Amino acid sequence: MEVEMKIINDLKPNTVLLGFKKRNEQINQIIAYIENHDQTVIGKENGKNRLLHLSDCFSFFTSQKNVYVNNVSLSQPIKINDRLYTLQEKLPKQFIRISNTEIINLNYVQEFEISKSGIILIHFRNHYQTSSSRRYLKAIKERIL
């Protein structure tokens, strides 16, 4: 792959512009790396702050008015200080809101299963399971199809 760089002064701050003839797996990996590079969230574990890389987070959810993160390197979810709606605005594109109480990382999804009631059951590679609400069904279908 040939790499050519050019400074473009009229781009928004922290914006990278990629040009390619055809999108392939290698380009997808480059895009994912750029989107995830050094993005972190801070969680609270045993009264201490813990820095978590977003690339290791597979879901954010609310429970009893608190927001928690499921991370592949942790055995249990830990609390974070962000609200779900603020996370939704700043998370990379591989994260999608699936209900009022949960955001998931599509990179960890193994399969989607549509139930008879119209709810999407989501199975992750690490055997975690969750489901979407019908309200978010259209947005989910648009992202995965």
Protein backbone atom coordinates (compact mmCIF):
# COMPACT_ATOMS: atom_id res chain seq x y z
CA MET A 1 0.00 0.00 0.00
CA GLU A 2 1.37 3.38 -0.97
CA VAL A 3 0.97 6.18 1.58
CA GLU A 4 0.78 9.83 0.59
CA MET A 5 0.22 12.61 3.12
CA LYS A 6 -1.08 16.09 2.54
CA ILE A 7 -1.88 18.84 5.06
CA ILE A 8 -5.30 20.35 4.43
CA ASN A 9 -5.73 23.53 6.45
CA ASP A 10 -9.51 23.88 6.15
CA LEU A 11 -10.40 20.53 7.85
CA LYS A 12 -12.04 20.50 11.27
CA PRO A 13 -9.62 19.92 14.18
CA ASN A 14 -8.65 16.27 14.78
CA THR A 15 -10.03 15.17 11.42
CA VAL A 16 -8.28 12.63 9.18
CA LEU A 17 -9.20 12.45 5.51
CA LEU A 18 -8.60 9.08 3.81
CA GLY A 19 -8.66 8.46 0.08
CA PHE A 20 -8.88 5.01 -1.43
CA LYS A 21 -10.02 3.46 -4.69
CA LYS A 22 -11.88 0.55 -3.11
CA ARG A 23 -12.72 -0.22 0.52
CA ASN A 24 -11.35 -3.56 1.72
CA GLU A 25 -10.51 -5.29 5.01
CA GLN A 26 -7.13 -3.55 5.30
CA ILE A 27 -8.79 -0.13 4.89
CA ASN A 28 -11.45 -1.13 7.46
CA GLN A 29 -8.71 -2.02 9.95
CA ILE A 30 -6.99 1.33 9.40
CA ILE A 31 -10.28 3.17 9.92
CA ALA A 32 -11.03 1.19 13.09
CA TYR A 33 -7.55 1.90 14.43
CA ILE A 34 -7.88 5.64 13.82
CA GLU A 35 -11.36 5.79 15.36
CA ASN A 36 -10.32 3.83 18.46
CA HIS A 37 -6.82 5.15 18.98
CA ASP A 38 -6.31 6.33 22.52
CA GLN A 39 -10.01 6.72 23.24
CA THR A 40 -10.69 5.86 26.84
CA VAL A 41 -13.33 5.99 29.52
CA ILE A 42 -12.72 6.19 33.26
CA GLY A 43 -14.38 3.64 35.50
CA LYS A 44 -14.55 3.39 39.29
CA GLU A 45 -13.42 0.09 40.78
CA ASN A 46 -13.01 -0.37 44.53
CA GLY A 47 -12.93 3.39 45.04
CA LYS A 48 -10.14 3.89 42.50
CA ASN A 49 -10.26 5.31 38.98
CA ARG A 50 -9.44 2.86 36.22
CA LEU A 51 -8.64 3.85 32.64
CA LEU A 52 -10.40 1.60 30.10
CA HIS A 53 -9.76 1.59 26.35
CA LEU A 54 -12.96 1.81 24.31
CA SER A 55 -11.73 -0.96 22.02
CA ASP A 56 -12.06 -3.35 25.00
CA CYS A 57 -15.55 -2.17 26.02
CA PHE A 58 -18.42 -4.20 24.61
CA SER A 59 -21.40 -2.52 26.30
CA PHE A 60 -22.48 0.42 28.43
CA PHE A 61 -25.72 0.11 30.39
CA THR A 62 -27.72 1.78 33.13
CA SER A 63 -28.88 0.16 36.32
CA GLN A 64 -30.42 1.92 39.33
CA LYS A 65 -29.59 5.39 37.94
CA ASN A 66 -25.90 4.52 37.44
CA VAL A 67 -24.00 3.81 34.21
CA TYR A 68 -21.77 0.73 33.98
CA VAL A 69 -19.35 -0.61 31.40
CA ASN A 70 -18.72 -4.23 30.43
CA ASN A 71 -15.09 -4.67 29.45
CA VAL A 72 -13.39 -7.80 28.10
CA SER A 73 -10.56 -7.53 30.63
CA LEU A 74 -12.91 -7.30 33.63
CA SER A 75 -14.95 -10.09 35.17
CA GLN A 76 -17.67 -7.70 36.37
CA PRO A 77 -19.08 -4.41 35.05
CA ILE A 78 -17.76 -1.26 36.69
CA LYS A 79 -19.39 2.10 37.25
CA ILE A 80 -18.50 5.12 35.14
CA ASN A 81 -19.37 8.77 35.72
CA ASP A 82 -20.68 9.54 32.23
CA ARG A 83 -24.38 9.55 31.39
CA LEU A 84 -25.56 7.28 28.58
CA TYR A 85 -26.72 10.14 26.35
CA THR A 86 -23.32 11.89 26.60
CA LEU A 87 -21.53 8.62 25.84
CA GLN A 88 -23.70 8.13 22.77
CA GLU A 89 -22.55 11.47 21.39
CA LYS A 90 -18.81 10.86 21.86
CA LEU A 91 -18.44 7.12 21.18
CA PRO A 92 -17.01 5.95 17.84
CA LYS A 93 -19.25 4.64 15.06
CA GLN A 94 -18.95 0.98 16.04
CA PHE A 95 -21.07 1.72 19.14
CA ILE A 96 -24.83 1.75 18.70
CA ARG A 97 -27.70 2.52 21.04
CA ILE A 98 -30.00 -0.51 21.27
CA SER A 99 -32.37 0.65 24.01
CA ASN A 100 -32.91 3.48 26.48
CA THR A 101 -30.60 1.65 28.86
CA GLU A 102 -27.81 0.20 26.68
CA ILE A 103 -25.16 0.97 24.05
CA ILE A 104 -23.17 -1.87 22.51
CA ASN A 105 -19.94 -2.26 20.53
CA LEU A 106 -20.76 -3.92 17.18
CA ASN A 107 -17.19 -5.27 16.95
CA TYR A 108 -18.00 -7.80 19.69
CA VAL A 109 -21.34 -9.00 18.32
CA GLN A 110 -21.39 -12.58 17.09
CA GLU A 111 -24.96 -12.68 15.83
CA PHE A 112 -28.34 -10.98 15.84
CA GLU A 113 -31.51 -12.99 16.27
CA ILE A 114 -34.98 -11.54 15.72
CA SER A 115 -37.56 -12.91 18.12
CA LYS A 116 -41.23 -13.43 17.26
CA SER A 117 -42.12 -10.35 19.29
CA GLY A 118 -39.86 -8.16 17.13
CA ILE A 119 -37.06 -7.75 19.65
CA ILE A 120 -33.50 -8.32 18.45
CA LEU A 121 -31.55 -10.72 20.65
CA ILE A 122 -27.86 -9.88 20.51
CA HIS A 123 -25.24 -12.57 21.12
CA PHE A 124 -21.65 -11.49 21.78
CA ARG A 125 -18.49 -13.50 21.10
CA ASN A 126 -17.83 -13.76 24.84
CA HIS A 127 -21.28 -15.38 25.42
CA TYR A 128 -22.82 -12.18 26.85
CA GLN A 129 -26.39 -11.67 25.66
CA THR A 130 -28.69 -8.70 25.59
CA SER A 131 -31.69 -7.49 23.64
CA SER A 132 -32.83 -4.36 21.90
CA SER A 133 -36.06 -2.50 22.38
CA ARG A 134 -38.50 -2.22 19.48
CA ARG A 135 -38.05 1.55 19.53
CA TYR A 136 -34.45 1.16 18.29
CA LEU A 137 -35.17 -1.65 15.81
CA LYS A 138 -35.11 0.56 12.71
CA ALA A 139 -31.79 2.21 13.62
CA ILE A 140 -30.20 -1.15 14.36
CA LYS A 141 -31.37 -2.66 11.07
CA GLU A 142 -30.01 0.34 9.15
CA ARG A 143 -26.59 -0.07 10.77
CA ILE A 144 -26.23 -3.85 10.39
CA LEU A 145 -27.75 -4.32 6.92
